N, C-alpha and C. Protein backbone atom coordinates (compact mmCIF):
# COMPACT_ATOMS: atom_id res chain seq x y z
N MET A 1 16.73 11.57 -8.27
CA MET A 1 15.54 11.43 -8.35
C MET A 1 15.63 11.11 -6.45
N SER A 2 14.30 11.33 -6.16
CA SER A 2 14.43 11.79 -4.65
C SER A 2 14.37 10.21 -4.40
N THR A 3 15.11 10.08 -3.05
CA THR A 3 15.17 9.24 -2.16
C THR A 3 14.22 8.98 -0.72
N GLY A 4 13.63 9.73 -0.42
CA GLY A 4 12.61 9.91 0.86
C GLY A 4 11.61 10.83 0.39
N PRO A 5 10.44 11.64 1.29
CA PRO A 5 9.76 12.13 1.72
C PRO A 5 10.46 13.47 1.85
N ASP A 6 11.41 13.58 2.59
CA ASP A 6 12.49 15.00 2.71
C ASP A 6 12.48 15.53 1.89
N ALA A 7 13.00 14.71 0.71
CA ALA A 7 13.53 15.40 -0.80
C ALA A 7 12.64 16.57 -1.16
N ALA A 8 11.33 16.31 -0.63
CA ALA A 8 10.65 18.13 -0.94
C ALA A 8 10.75 18.75 0.20
N THR A 9 11.30 20.16 -0.29
CA THR A 9 11.06 21.11 0.61
C THR A 9 11.09 22.23 0.66
N GLY A 10 10.71 23.13 1.21
CA GLY A 10 9.65 24.47 0.87
C GLY A 10 8.59 24.61 0.41
N ASP A 11 8.27 25.19 -0.75
CA ASP A 11 6.93 25.28 -1.20
C ASP A 11 6.39 24.32 -2.03
N PRO A 12 6.27 22.91 -2.19
CA PRO A 12 6.02 22.14 -2.91
C PRO A 12 4.90 22.43 -3.90
N TYR A 13 3.95 23.23 -3.95
CA TYR A 13 2.29 23.39 -4.80
C TYR A 13 3.09 24.85 -4.98
N GLY A 14 3.72 25.68 -4.14
CA GLY A 14 3.44 27.26 -4.82
C GLY A 14 4.83 27.14 -6.21
N GLU A 15 5.58 25.62 -5.79
CA GLU A 15 7.35 25.89 -6.89
C GLU A 15 6.34 25.24 -8.40
N LEU A 16 5.44 24.40 -8.27
CA LEU A 16 4.65 23.79 -9.30
C LEU A 16 3.85 25.45 -9.67
N ALA A 17 2.99 25.95 -9.01
CA ALA A 17 2.46 26.75 -9.83
C ALA A 17 3.09 28.12 -10.48
N ARG A 18 4.68 28.43 -9.94
CA ARG A 18 5.51 29.23 -10.78
C ARG A 18 5.86 28.50 -11.88
N LEU A 19 6.11 27.01 -12.06
CA LEU A 19 6.45 26.53 -13.38
C LEU A 19 5.43 26.35 -14.43
N ASP A 20 4.57 26.55 -13.87
CA ASP A 20 3.05 25.39 -14.79
C ASP A 20 1.76 27.25 -14.63
N PRO A 21 1.40 27.53 -15.35
CA PRO A 21 0.25 28.39 -14.80
C PRO A 21 -1.39 27.09 -15.34
N VAL A 22 -1.06 26.38 -15.46
CA VAL A 22 -2.00 25.35 -15.13
C VAL A 22 -2.03 24.82 -13.97
N LEU A 23 -1.00 24.17 -13.74
CA LEU A 23 -1.15 23.99 -12.08
C LEU A 23 -1.58 24.57 -11.21
N GLY A 24 -0.64 25.93 -11.09
CA GLY A 24 -1.58 26.90 -10.09
C GLY A 24 -2.83 27.28 -10.14
N ARG A 25 -3.84 27.25 -11.16
CA ARG A 25 -5.00 27.33 -11.48
C ARG A 25 -5.76 25.95 -10.93
N LEU A 26 -5.05 24.69 -11.48
CA LEU A 26 -5.04 23.93 -10.33
C LEU A 26 -5.72 23.70 -8.66
N THR A 27 -4.17 24.18 -8.59
CA THR A 27 -3.99 24.34 -6.95
C THR A 27 -5.24 25.15 -6.37
N ALA A 28 -5.63 26.15 -7.14
CA ALA A 28 -6.36 27.36 -6.50
C ALA A 28 -7.62 26.99 -6.61
N SER A 29 -7.85 25.70 -7.79
CA SER A 29 -9.89 24.91 -7.35
C SER A 29 -9.62 24.05 -6.07
N TYR A 30 -8.44 23.22 -6.38
CA TYR A 30 -8.48 22.04 -5.33
C TYR A 30 -7.95 21.84 -4.39
N GLY A 31 -7.02 22.86 -4.14
CA GLY A 31 -6.31 23.45 -2.94
C GLY A 31 -4.82 22.22 -3.01
N ARG A 32 -4.26 21.90 -1.69
CA ARG A 32 -3.31 21.21 -1.93
C ARG A 32 -3.00 19.41 -0.49
N PRO A 33 -3.51 18.86 -1.67
CA PRO A 33 -3.91 17.47 -1.36
C PRO A 33 -3.04 16.81 -1.02
N ASP A 34 -3.06 15.80 -0.38
CA ASP A 34 -1.39 15.68 0.28
C ASP A 34 -1.15 13.85 -0.27
N PRO A 35 -0.37 14.35 -1.31
CA PRO A 35 -0.06 13.05 -2.39
C PRO A 35 0.22 11.65 -1.43
N PHE A 36 0.49 11.54 -0.16
CA PHE A 36 1.13 10.41 0.42
C PHE A 36 -0.01 9.93 1.24
N ARG A 37 -1.22 10.30 1.37
CA ARG A 37 -2.30 9.59 1.96
C ARG A 37 -2.97 8.49 1.13
N TRP A 38 -3.10 7.62 1.64
CA TRP A 38 -3.57 6.61 1.48
C TRP A 38 -4.83 5.73 1.87
N ASP A 39 -5.78 5.95 1.45
CA ASP A 39 -7.00 5.76 2.13
C ASP A 39 -7.91 4.03 1.49
N ASP A 40 -7.13 2.98 2.40
CA ASP A 40 -7.17 1.61 2.56
C ASP A 40 -8.41 1.51 3.82
N GLY A 41 -8.82 2.65 4.82
CA GLY A 41 -9.55 1.84 5.43
C GLY A 41 -9.17 1.09 6.40
N GLY A 42 -7.89 1.02 6.69
CA GLY A 42 -7.11 0.91 8.10
C GLY A 42 -6.51 -0.60 7.77
N ARG A 43 -7.37 -1.25 6.41
CA ARG A 43 -7.23 -2.54 6.02
C ARG A 43 -5.72 -3.12 6.47
N THR A 44 -4.80 -2.25 5.58
CA THR A 44 -3.39 -2.74 6.04
C THR A 44 -2.35 -2.38 6.85
N GLU A 45 -2.86 -1.71 7.99
CA GLU A 45 -2.40 -1.67 9.14
C GLU A 45 -1.09 -1.24 9.16
N ASP A 46 -0.50 -0.40 7.99
CA ASP A 46 0.58 0.23 7.78
C ASP A 46 2.11 -1.42 7.43
N ASP A 47 1.54 -2.46 6.93
CA ASP A 47 2.15 -3.56 6.77
C ASP A 47 2.47 -3.25 5.60
N ARG A 48 3.70 -3.30 4.82
CA ARG A 48 4.23 -2.98 3.70
C ARG A 48 3.16 -4.24 2.68
N PHE A 49 3.98 -5.44 3.24
CA PHE A 49 3.43 -6.86 2.19
C PHE A 49 2.39 -6.85 2.04
N ALA A 50 1.27 -6.36 3.27
CA ALA A 50 -0.33 -6.04 2.86
C ALA A 50 -0.31 -5.57 1.98
N ALA A 51 0.27 -3.66 2.16
CA ALA A 51 0.00 -3.13 1.30
C ALA A 51 0.04 -3.61 -0.56
N LEU A 52 1.38 -4.22 -0.41
CA LEU A 52 1.30 -4.67 -1.90
C LEU A 52 0.45 -5.87 -2.32
N VAL A 53 -0.42 -6.64 -1.37
CA VAL A 53 -1.26 -7.64 -1.82
C VAL A 53 -2.82 -6.65 -1.84
N LEU A 54 -2.51 -5.57 -1.36
CA LEU A 54 -3.66 -4.68 -1.96
C LEU A 54 -3.70 -3.82 -3.18
N HIS A 55 -2.68 -3.20 -3.37
CA HIS A 55 -2.15 -3.07 -4.93
C HIS A 55 -2.39 -3.60 -5.89
N ILE A 56 -1.91 -5.25 -5.70
CA ILE A 56 -1.83 -6.47 -7.07
C ILE A 56 -3.31 -6.82 -6.62
N ALA A 57 -3.69 -6.79 -5.92
CA ALA A 57 -5.30 -7.02 -6.51
C ALA A 57 -5.88 -5.82 -6.91
N GLY A 58 -5.81 -4.42 -6.68
CA GLY A 58 -6.36 -3.48 -7.20
C GLY A 58 -6.21 -2.86 -8.83
N GLN A 59 -4.89 -3.75 -9.31
CA GLN A 59 -4.70 -3.77 -10.18
C GLN A 59 -5.80 -3.84 -11.37
N GLN A 60 -6.00 -2.61 -12.30
CA GLN A 60 -7.20 -2.77 -12.91
C GLN A 60 -8.38 -2.78 -12.86
N ILE A 61 -8.62 -2.53 -11.85
CA ILE A 61 -10.14 -2.30 -11.23
C ILE A 61 -10.75 -1.14 -10.09
N SER A 62 -11.37 -1.67 -9.95
CA SER A 62 -11.67 0.08 -9.04
C SER A 62 -11.37 -0.76 -7.43
N THR A 63 -11.20 0.94 -7.02
CA THR A 63 -10.94 0.91 -5.24
C THR A 63 -11.42 -0.20 -4.94
N ALA A 64 -13.18 -0.02 -4.95
CA ALA A 64 -14.20 -0.61 -4.00
C ALA A 64 -13.94 -1.95 -4.10
N VAL A 65 -13.92 -2.71 -5.27
CA VAL A 65 -13.90 -3.87 -5.72
C VAL A 65 -12.28 -4.83 -5.11
N ALA A 66 -11.47 -4.19 -5.16
CA ALA A 66 -10.03 -4.33 -4.66
C ALA A 66 -10.29 -4.24 -3.19
N PHE A 67 -11.08 -3.59 -2.48
CA PHE A 67 -11.27 -3.78 -1.36
C PHE A 67 -11.66 -5.18 -0.73
N VAL A 68 -12.55 -5.18 -1.50
CA VAL A 68 -13.70 -6.57 -1.44
C VAL A 68 -13.07 -7.94 -1.39
N LEU A 69 -11.45 -8.37 -2.45
CA LEU A 69 -10.87 -9.11 -2.56
C LEU A 69 -9.82 -9.04 -1.51
N PHE A 70 -9.46 -8.05 -1.22
CA PHE A 70 -8.45 -7.74 -0.51
C PHE A 70 -9.04 -8.80 1.15
N ASP A 71 -10.54 -8.16 1.16
CA ASP A 71 -11.01 -8.44 2.65
C ASP A 71 -10.84 -9.95 2.77
N ARG A 72 -11.65 -10.63 1.48
CA ARG A 72 -11.55 -11.65 1.54
C ARG A 72 -10.44 -12.94 1.75
N ILE A 73 -9.43 -12.15 0.89
CA ILE A 73 -8.30 -12.97 1.12
C ILE A 73 -7.78 -13.15 2.90
N ARG A 74 -7.57 -11.58 3.81
CA ARG A 74 -7.80 -11.64 4.99
C ARG A 74 -8.19 -12.98 6.01
N ALA A 75 -9.91 -12.47 5.34
CA ALA A 75 -10.58 -13.34 6.10
C ALA A 75 -9.90 -14.93 5.30
N ALA A 76 -9.53 -15.24 4.56
CA ALA A 76 -9.20 -16.85 4.12
C ALA A 76 -8.17 -16.96 4.99
N THR A 77 -7.18 -15.91 4.97
CA THR A 77 -5.54 -16.60 6.18
C THR A 77 -5.82 -16.43 7.36
N GLY A 78 -7.09 -15.59 7.89
CA GLY A 78 -7.06 -15.76 9.28
C GLY A 78 -6.61 -14.22 10.08
N ALA A 79 -6.09 -14.05 9.22
CA ALA A 79 -4.98 -12.45 9.66
C ALA A 79 -4.73 -11.61 8.42
N LEU A 80 -3.95 -10.63 8.87
CA LEU A 80 -3.17 -9.83 7.97
C LEU A 80 -2.56 -10.67 7.02
N PRO A 81 -2.79 -10.62 5.85
CA PRO A 81 -1.84 -11.15 4.97
C PRO A 81 -0.48 -10.94 4.96
N ASP A 82 0.07 -12.30 5.14
CA ASP A 82 1.86 -12.63 5.17
C ASP A 82 1.96 -13.18 3.93
N PRO A 83 4.01 -13.56 3.42
CA PRO A 83 3.91 -14.37 2.26
C PRO A 83 3.38 -15.81 2.87
N ALA A 84 4.10 -16.00 4.26
CA ALA A 84 3.55 -17.49 4.53
C ALA A 84 2.11 -18.12 4.35
N GLY A 85 1.09 -16.64 4.66
CA GLY A 85 -0.39 -16.78 4.91
C GLY A 85 -0.47 -17.38 3.23
N ILE A 86 0.17 -16.72 2.50
CA ILE A 86 -0.85 -16.46 1.19
C ILE A 86 0.04 -17.51 0.43
N VAL A 87 1.21 -18.18 0.60
CA VAL A 87 1.64 -19.34 0.19
C VAL A 87 0.76 -20.73 0.96
N ALA A 88 0.40 -20.38 1.98
CA ALA A 88 -0.85 -21.56 2.40
C ALA A 88 -1.97 -21.13 1.57
N LEU A 89 -2.34 -20.39 1.00
CA LEU A 89 -3.69 -20.55 0.41
C LEU A 89 -3.35 -21.06 -1.22
N GLY A 90 -2.31 -20.52 -1.47
CA GLY A 90 -2.30 -21.60 -2.54
C GLY A 90 -3.08 -20.63 -3.70
N PRO A 91 -2.99 -21.46 -5.01
CA PRO A 91 -3.60 -20.73 -6.08
C PRO A 91 -5.32 -20.64 -6.30
N GLU A 92 -5.30 -22.00 -5.92
CA GLU A 92 -6.91 -22.39 -6.09
C GLU A 92 -8.03 -21.61 -4.99
N ARG A 93 -7.26 -21.37 -3.54
CA ARG A 93 -8.12 -21.06 -2.70
C ARG A 93 -8.14 -18.87 -2.63
N LEU A 94 -6.99 -18.95 -3.75
CA LEU A 94 -6.78 -17.49 -3.86
C LEU A 94 -7.73 -16.98 -5.00
N ARG A 95 -8.05 -17.84 -6.00
CA ARG A 95 -8.88 -18.10 -6.94
C ARG A 95 -10.43 -17.81 -6.18
N ALA A 96 -10.48 -18.66 -5.33
CA ALA A 96 -12.13 -18.98 -4.45
C ALA A 96 -12.06 -17.02 -3.88
N CYS A 97 -11.15 -16.44 -3.81
CA CYS A 97 -11.44 -15.43 -3.17
C CYS A 97 -11.95 -14.13 -3.98
N GLY A 98 -12.00 -14.63 -5.37
CA GLY A 98 -12.07 -13.69 -6.68
C GLY A 98 -11.29 -13.36 -7.31
N LEU A 99 -9.87 -13.88 -6.98
CA LEU A 99 -8.91 -12.90 -7.91
C LEU A 99 -8.71 -13.90 -9.02
N SER A 100 -8.12 -13.43 -10.38
CA SER A 100 -8.12 -13.72 -11.85
C SER A 100 -6.85 -14.89 -11.37
N HIS A 101 -6.52 -15.52 -12.58
CA HIS A 101 -5.35 -17.10 -12.24
C HIS A 101 -4.68 -15.70 -12.13
N ALA A 102 -4.30 -14.56 -13.43
CA ALA A 102 -2.66 -13.63 -13.21
C ALA A 102 -2.53 -13.36 -11.85
N LYS A 103 -3.54 -12.86 -11.59
CA LYS A 103 -3.17 -12.33 -9.67
C LYS A 103 -3.01 -13.19 -8.41
N ALA A 104 -3.69 -14.25 -9.03
CA ALA A 104 -3.38 -15.46 -8.04
C ALA A 104 -1.68 -15.64 -7.72
N SER A 105 -1.32 -15.80 -9.10
CA SER A 105 0.20 -16.11 -9.68
C SER A 105 0.76 -14.86 -9.10
N TYR A 106 0.59 -13.87 -9.21
CA TYR A 106 1.19 -12.53 -8.91
C TYR A 106 1.61 -12.45 -7.61
N LEU A 107 0.31 -12.86 -7.24
CA LEU A 107 0.66 -12.85 -5.03
C LEU A 107 1.49 -13.75 -4.86
N LEU A 108 1.73 -15.46 -5.46
CA LEU A 108 2.58 -16.09 -4.88
C LEU A 108 3.87 -15.87 -5.30
N ALA A 109 3.87 -15.00 -6.26
CA ALA A 109 5.77 -15.16 -6.78
C ALA A 109 5.30 -13.78 -5.73
N LEU A 110 4.79 -12.85 -5.11
CA LEU A 110 5.58 -11.75 -4.73
C LEU A 110 5.92 -12.72 -3.55
N ALA A 111 4.98 -13.68 -2.60
CA ALA A 111 5.66 -14.17 -1.21
C ALA A 111 6.47 -14.96 -1.13
N GLU A 112 6.49 -16.02 -2.32
CA GLU A 112 8.09 -16.34 -2.75
C GLU A 112 9.22 -15.85 -2.43
N SER A 113 8.61 -14.12 -3.40
CA SER A 113 9.73 -13.87 -3.57
C SER A 113 10.43 -13.20 -2.53
N GLN A 114 9.57 -12.90 -1.42
CA GLN A 114 9.56 -12.32 -0.10
C GLN A 114 10.47 -13.28 0.46
N LEU A 115 9.77 -15.04 0.86
CA LEU A 115 9.99 -15.26 2.00
C LEU A 115 11.48 -16.34 1.32
N GLY A 116 11.64 -16.28 0.03
CA GLY A 116 13.00 -16.25 -0.44
C GLY A 116 14.35 -15.48 -0.44
N GLY A 117 14.01 -14.14 -0.32
CA GLY A 117 14.79 -13.04 0.14
C GLY A 117 15.56 -12.68 -1.35
N LEU A 118 14.25 -12.88 -2.42
CA LEU A 118 14.82 -12.12 -3.75
C LEU A 118 14.41 -10.84 -3.41
N ILE A 119 12.98 -10.58 -2.49
CA ILE A 119 13.01 -8.70 -2.21
C ILE A 119 12.45 -8.54 -1.00
N ASP A 120 13.09 -7.96 -0.46
CA ASP A 120 12.77 -7.39 1.24
C ASP A 120 11.92 -5.86 1.30
N VAL A 121 10.27 -6.29 1.53
CA VAL A 121 9.60 -4.85 1.35
C VAL A 121 9.75 -4.24 2.13
N ASP A 122 10.54 -4.56 3.39
CA ASP A 122 11.01 -3.58 4.57
C ASP A 122 11.98 -2.71 4.46
N GLY A 123 12.65 -2.83 3.72
CA GLY A 123 13.92 -2.92 3.39
C GLY A 123 14.60 -1.47 2.43
N LEU A 124 13.43 -1.32 1.76
CA LEU A 124 13.47 -0.48 0.48
C LEU A 124 13.87 1.35 0.28
N ASP A 125 13.88 1.40 1.87
CA ASP A 125 14.13 3.12 1.84
C ASP A 125 15.27 3.35 1.62
N GLY A 126 16.30 2.84 1.60
CA GLY A 126 17.49 3.27 1.14
C GLY A 126 17.91 3.08 0.09
N LEU A 127 17.10 2.73 -0.94
CA LEU A 127 17.44 2.50 -2.32
C LEU A 127 16.73 4.00 -2.83
N THR A 128 17.25 3.97 -4.26
CA THR A 128 16.64 5.58 -4.94
C THR A 128 15.30 5.29 -5.62
N ASP A 129 14.79 6.03 -6.01
CA ASP A 129 13.94 5.96 -6.30
C ASP A 129 13.86 4.63 -8.11
N ALA A 130 14.72 5.17 -8.53
CA ALA A 130 14.85 3.68 -9.73
C ALA A 130 15.45 3.02 -8.98
N GLU A 131 16.20 2.65 -8.30
CA GLU A 131 16.27 1.52 -7.48
C GLU A 131 15.42 0.67 -6.80
N ALA A 132 14.05 1.10 -6.36
CA ALA A 132 13.33 0.61 -5.37
C ALA A 132 12.47 0.15 -6.82
N VAL A 133 12.08 0.94 -7.42
CA VAL A 133 11.17 0.21 -8.66
C VAL A 133 11.69 -0.88 -9.39
N ALA A 134 13.18 -1.19 -9.84
CA ALA A 134 13.51 -2.26 -10.81
C ALA A 134 13.59 -2.96 -9.10
N ALA A 135 13.50 -2.57 -8.13
CA ALA A 135 13.92 -4.34 -7.07
C ALA A 135 12.47 -4.49 -7.07
N LEU A 136 11.05 -3.63 -7.39
CA LEU A 136 9.93 -4.43 -6.70
C LEU A 136 9.41 -4.63 -8.29
N THR A 137 9.71 -3.77 -9.32
CA THR A 137 9.52 -5.08 -10.75
C THR A 137 10.08 -6.19 -11.22
N ALA A 138 10.97 -6.23 -10.67
CA ALA A 138 12.03 -7.65 -10.99
C ALA A 138 11.26 -9.03 -10.15
N VAL A 139 10.26 -8.66 -9.52
CA VAL A 139 9.15 -9.63 -9.00
C VAL A 139 7.83 -9.71 -10.11
N ARG A 140 7.69 -10.94 -10.70
CA ARG A 140 6.41 -11.57 -11.42
C ARG A 140 5.58 -10.76 -11.09
N GLY A 141 4.36 -9.63 -11.55
CA GLY A 141 3.07 -9.77 -11.74
C GLY A 141 3.47 -7.81 -10.78
N LEU A 142 4.67 -7.38 -10.56
CA LEU A 142 4.22 -6.67 -10.63
C LEU A 142 4.47 -5.07 -11.62
N GLY A 143 3.96 -4.68 -12.17
CA GLY A 143 4.11 -3.63 -12.85
C GLY A 143 4.97 -2.23 -12.61
N ARG A 144 5.40 -1.71 -13.85
CA ARG A 144 5.88 -0.10 -13.03
C ARG A 144 4.81 0.62 -12.28
N TRP A 145 3.50 0.11 -12.92
CA TRP A 145 2.08 1.42 -11.97
C TRP A 145 2.20 0.62 -10.33
N THR A 146 2.17 -0.03 -10.16
CA THR A 146 2.21 -0.97 -8.69
C THR A 146 3.26 -0.33 -8.14
N ALA A 147 4.94 -0.66 -8.50
CA ALA A 147 5.72 -0.35 -7.83
C ALA A 147 5.64 1.36 -7.56
N GLU A 148 5.12 2.38 -8.41
CA GLU A 148 4.70 3.55 -8.52
C GLU A 148 3.67 4.04 -6.96
N MET A 149 2.99 3.27 -7.23
CA MET A 149 2.02 3.00 -6.27
C MET A 149 2.42 3.25 -4.74
N PHE A 150 3.67 2.09 -5.07
CA PHE A 150 4.25 1.62 -3.46
C PHE A 150 5.00 2.86 -3.29
N LEU A 151 6.19 3.55 -4.21
CA LEU A 151 6.50 4.63 -3.54
C LEU A 151 5.79 5.95 -3.28
N LEU A 152 4.77 6.02 -4.13
CA LEU A 152 3.67 7.04 -3.29
C LEU A 152 3.82 6.93 -2.20
N HIS A 153 2.64 5.19 -1.95
CA HIS A 153 1.86 5.64 -0.64
C HIS A 153 2.68 4.95 0.76
N GLN A 154 3.61 4.15 0.35
CA GLN A 154 4.42 3.19 1.22
C GLN A 154 5.84 4.32 1.56
N LEU A 155 6.17 4.44 0.68
CA LEU A 155 7.76 4.75 0.58
C LEU A 155 7.51 6.24 0.97
N ARG A 156 6.52 7.12 0.37
CA ARG A 156 6.19 8.65 0.35
C ARG A 156 7.25 9.32 0.00
N ARG A 157 7.79 8.88 -1.44
CA ARG A 157 8.77 9.81 -2.05
C ARG A 157 8.14 11.04 -2.80
N SER A 158 8.85 12.00 -3.03
CA SER A 158 7.97 13.33 -3.30
C SER A 158 8.28 13.16 -4.82
N ASP A 159 9.12 12.61 -5.85
CA ASP A 159 8.89 12.49 -7.11
C ASP A 159 8.15 11.56 -7.71
N VAL A 160 7.02 11.43 -7.72
CA VAL A 160 7.25 10.00 -8.51
C VAL A 160 5.69 10.64 -9.13
N LEU A 161 5.83 10.35 -10.49
CA LEU A 161 4.52 10.88 -11.21
C LEU A 161 3.90 9.50 -12.08
N PRO A 162 2.82 8.91 -12.00
CA PRO A 162 2.83 7.34 -12.78
C PRO A 162 2.47 7.94 -14.15
N VAL A 163 2.88 8.59 -15.37
CA VAL A 163 2.29 8.96 -16.39
C VAL A 163 1.79 7.74 -17.46
N GLY A 164 1.80 6.66 -16.45
CA GLY A 164 0.91 5.59 -17.52
C GLY A 164 -0.23 5.44 -16.92
N ASP A 165 -0.78 6.12 -15.99
CA ASP A 165 -2.28 5.93 -15.54
C ASP A 165 -3.05 6.87 -16.29
N VAL A 166 -4.38 6.15 -16.59
CA VAL A 166 -5.41 6.80 -16.96
C VAL A 166 -5.13 7.88 -16.58
N GLY A 167 -5.93 7.73 -15.37
CA GLY A 167 -6.38 9.11 -14.56
C GLY A 167 -5.54 9.69 -14.88
N ILE A 168 -4.08 9.71 -14.92
CA ILE A 168 -2.83 10.81 -15.05
C ILE A 168 -3.12 12.07 -16.45
N ARG A 169 -3.39 10.77 -17.20
CA ARG A 169 -3.52 11.19 -18.58
C ARG A 169 -4.50 11.64 -19.50
N ARG A 170 -5.86 11.36 -17.86
CA ARG A 170 -7.41 12.24 -18.64
C ARG A 170 -6.89 13.77 -17.95
N ALA A 171 -6.20 13.83 -16.88
CA ALA A 171 -6.25 14.86 -16.22
C ALA A 171 -5.78 15.52 -16.83
N VAL A 172 -4.50 15.42 -17.18
CA VAL A 172 -3.29 16.27 -18.37
C VAL A 172 -4.15 16.63 -19.47
N GLU A 173 -5.01 15.90 -19.86
CA GLU A 173 -5.93 16.33 -21.64
C GLU A 173 -6.77 17.03 -21.33
N ARG A 174 -7.74 17.29 -19.82
CA ARG A 174 -8.66 18.10 -19.85
C ARG A 174 -7.99 19.65 -19.02
N GLY A 175 -6.87 19.02 -18.18
CA GLY A 175 -6.11 20.63 -17.95
C GLY A 175 -5.44 21.43 -18.91
N TRP A 176 -5.41 21.05 -19.90
CA TRP A 176 -4.16 21.48 -20.85
C TRP A 176 -4.83 21.27 -21.89
N GLY A 177 -6.19 20.77 -21.99
CA GLY A 177 -7.18 21.64 -23.47
C GLY A 177 -6.66 21.05 -24.50
N LEU A 178 -6.23 19.44 -24.34
CA LEU A 178 -5.68 18.39 -25.61
C LEU A 178 -6.85 18.60 -25.94
N ASP A 179 -6.08 17.77 -27.64
CA ASP A 179 -7.24 17.52 -28.43
C ASP A 179 -7.68 15.47 -28.08
N ALA A 180 -6.83 14.97 -27.26
CA ALA A 180 -6.78 13.68 -27.63
C ALA A 180 -6.13 13.19 -26.32
N LEU A 181 -6.39 11.65 -25.97
CA LEU A 181 -5.31 11.60 -24.18
C LEU A 181 -4.26 11.54 -24.89
N PRO A 182 -3.37 12.16 -24.07
CA PRO A 182 -2.05 11.86 -24.28
C PRO A 182 -1.32 10.79 -24.41
N THR A 183 -0.34 10.31 -24.69
CA THR A 183 1.01 8.80 -24.24
C THR A 183 1.53 9.29 -23.05
N PRO A 184 1.63 7.88 -22.72
CA PRO A 184 2.66 8.23 -21.39
C PRO A 184 3.68 8.91 -21.40
N ARG A 185 4.44 8.96 -22.89
CA ARG A 185 5.95 9.90 -23.25
C ARG A 185 5.42 10.80 -23.49
N ASP A 186 4.18 11.46 -23.81
CA ASP A 186 3.70 12.87 -24.05
C ASP A 186 3.49 13.52 -22.59
N VAL A 187 2.98 12.46 -21.85
CA VAL A 187 3.12 13.01 -20.42
C VAL A 187 4.29 13.18 -19.57
N GLU A 188 5.61 12.21 -19.70
CA GLU A 188 6.21 12.11 -19.48
C GLU A 188 7.34 13.47 -19.61
N ARG A 189 7.08 13.52 -21.29
CA ARG A 189 7.97 15.00 -21.68
C ARG A 189 7.29 15.95 -20.98
N ARG A 190 5.76 16.52 -21.10
CA ARG A 190 4.90 17.43 -20.42
C ARG A 190 5.81 17.93 -18.83
N THR A 191 5.81 16.72 -18.06
CA THR A 191 5.78 16.84 -16.71
C THR A 191 7.56 16.44 -16.28
N ALA A 192 8.07 16.49 -16.87
CA ALA A 192 9.66 16.24 -16.27
C ALA A 192 10.03 17.92 -15.77
N ALA A 193 9.98 18.85 -16.20
CA ALA A 193 9.92 19.64 -15.46
C ALA A 193 9.74 20.11 -13.76
N TRP A 194 8.82 19.41 -13.36
CA TRP A 194 7.84 19.64 -12.35
C TRP A 194 8.98 19.10 -11.46
N SER A 195 9.74 18.27 -11.76
CA SER A 195 10.79 17.35 -10.37
C SER A 195 11.37 18.80 -9.38
N PRO A 196 11.50 18.24 -8.40
CA PRO A 196 11.23 16.65 -7.44
C PRO A 196 9.99 16.74 -7.14
N TYR A 197 8.99 17.43 -7.72
CA TYR A 197 7.70 17.79 -7.06
C TYR A 197 6.01 16.87 -7.57
N ARG A 198 7.09 15.83 -8.21
CA ARG A 198 5.99 15.07 -9.35
C ARG A 198 5.20 14.52 -8.32
N SER A 199 4.94 14.07 -7.09
CA SER A 199 4.22 12.85 -6.17
C SER A 199 3.34 14.18 -5.88
N TYR A 200 3.67 15.08 -5.70
CA TYR A 200 2.23 16.79 -5.97
C TYR A 200 1.95 16.76 -6.30
N ALA A 201 2.24 17.19 -8.33
CA ALA A 201 1.34 17.16 -9.48
C ALA A 201 0.60 16.22 -9.45
N SER A 202 1.03 14.52 -8.87
CA SER A 202 0.11 13.79 -9.09
C SER A 202 -1.10 13.74 -8.42
N ALA A 203 -1.17 14.28 -7.21
CA ALA A 203 -2.12 14.10 -6.26
C ALA A 203 -2.94 15.40 -6.70
N LEU A 204 -2.27 16.10 -7.22
CA LEU A 204 -3.58 17.64 -7.91
C LEU A 204 -4.05 17.09 -9.01
N LEU A 205 -3.89 16.26 -10.24
CA LEU A 205 -4.06 15.57 -11.22
C LEU A 205 -4.99 15.06 -10.87
N TRP A 206 -5.12 14.02 -10.37
CA TRP A 206 -6.05 13.55 -9.46
C TRP A 206 -6.93 14.03 -9.06
N ALA A 207 -7.15 14.51 -8.09
CA ALA A 207 -7.96 15.91 -7.33
C ALA A 207 -9.01 16.11 -8.56
N SER A 208 -7.88 16.80 -9.48
CA SER A 208 -8.59 17.14 -10.45
C SER A 208 -10.20 16.86 -11.41
N LEU A 209 -9.83 15.16 -11.63
CA LEU A 209 -10.75 14.60 -12.08
C LEU A 209 -11.58 14.74 -11.52
N ARG A 210 -12.14 15.24 -9.95
CA ARG A 210 -13.48 15.35 -9.04
C ARG A 210 -13.63 17.08 -9.53
N PRO A 211 -15.44 16.99 -9.28
CA PRO A 211 -15.56 18.55 -9.22
C PRO A 211 -14.73 19.28 -8.01
N PRO A 212 -14.75 20.29 -8.15
CA PRO A 212 -14.10 21.05 -7.23
C PRO A 212 -15.29 21.15 -6.05
N GLU A 213 -14.15 21.63 -4.81
CA GLU A 213 -15.22 21.76 -3.57
C GLU A 213 -15.81 23.30 -3.78
N THR A 214 -17.16 23.32 -3.50
CA THR A 214 -17.60 24.74 -3.35
C THR A 214 -18.10 24.91 -2.02
N PRO A 215 -17.58 26.34 -1.76
CA PRO A 215 -17.23 26.68 -0.33
C PRO A 215 -18.73 26.80 0.30
N ALA A 216 -18.67 26.75 1.66
CA ALA A 216 -19.94 26.72 2.43
C ALA A 216 -20.49 28.08 2.23
N ALA A 217 -21.90 28.47 2.00
CA ALA A 217 -22.79 29.66 1.76
C ALA A 217 -22.63 30.21 3.15
N PRO A 218 -22.12 31.24 2.96
CA PRO A 218 -22.55 32.12 5.12
C PRO A 218 -23.77 31.95 5.23
N ALA A 219 -23.44 31.82 7.07
CA ALA A 219 -24.33 31.51 7.79
C ALA A 219 -25.53 32.88 7.97
N ARG A 220 -27.01 33.43 7.45
CA ARG A 220 -27.13 34.33 8.17
C ARG A 220 -28.49 34.25 9.39
């Protein structure tokens, strides 16, 4: 598995199109999206711990609501969220920011793990994808989806395809004309041959859920 963004060389989208004509058609319609782009509005300031706070806040809710929760946490801590600030808030003040009981406990588990040296979110670059996922998911509340989002957007790994993501599964159902939503295992089997460019395939599949851009009409 890849160990960083440089693991993908050459022409990832061209190779994906060669491997699967459906991906070629999607590339023609949706272009070549940057798989590592993360539109957080500058909230996390490229800080990895703050990014994980946002990823946890965004579990199973819309991005817009996740932004609201993160902004409340930042206001409550008075600074960019860091481990000490999260612990200082405690469960009740985190709940007052709008987090569920579970998510408040997950943020505290992350902060305590970072402070206690059980994980170092800034020291994952030298790990393989599998090792980084294992380190992250060892923290309570950090599931595979959250870990994979971190690998994509913070570690910029080239071969990440979150097979359990509902958007990915819907895109596969639509793109390949399936009769039903595929299971994560079905998606994993279908996409295994796309390695080591599955991060690019992920970006393309998510893009395909939106209407394709219509070229501007020529000026008259």
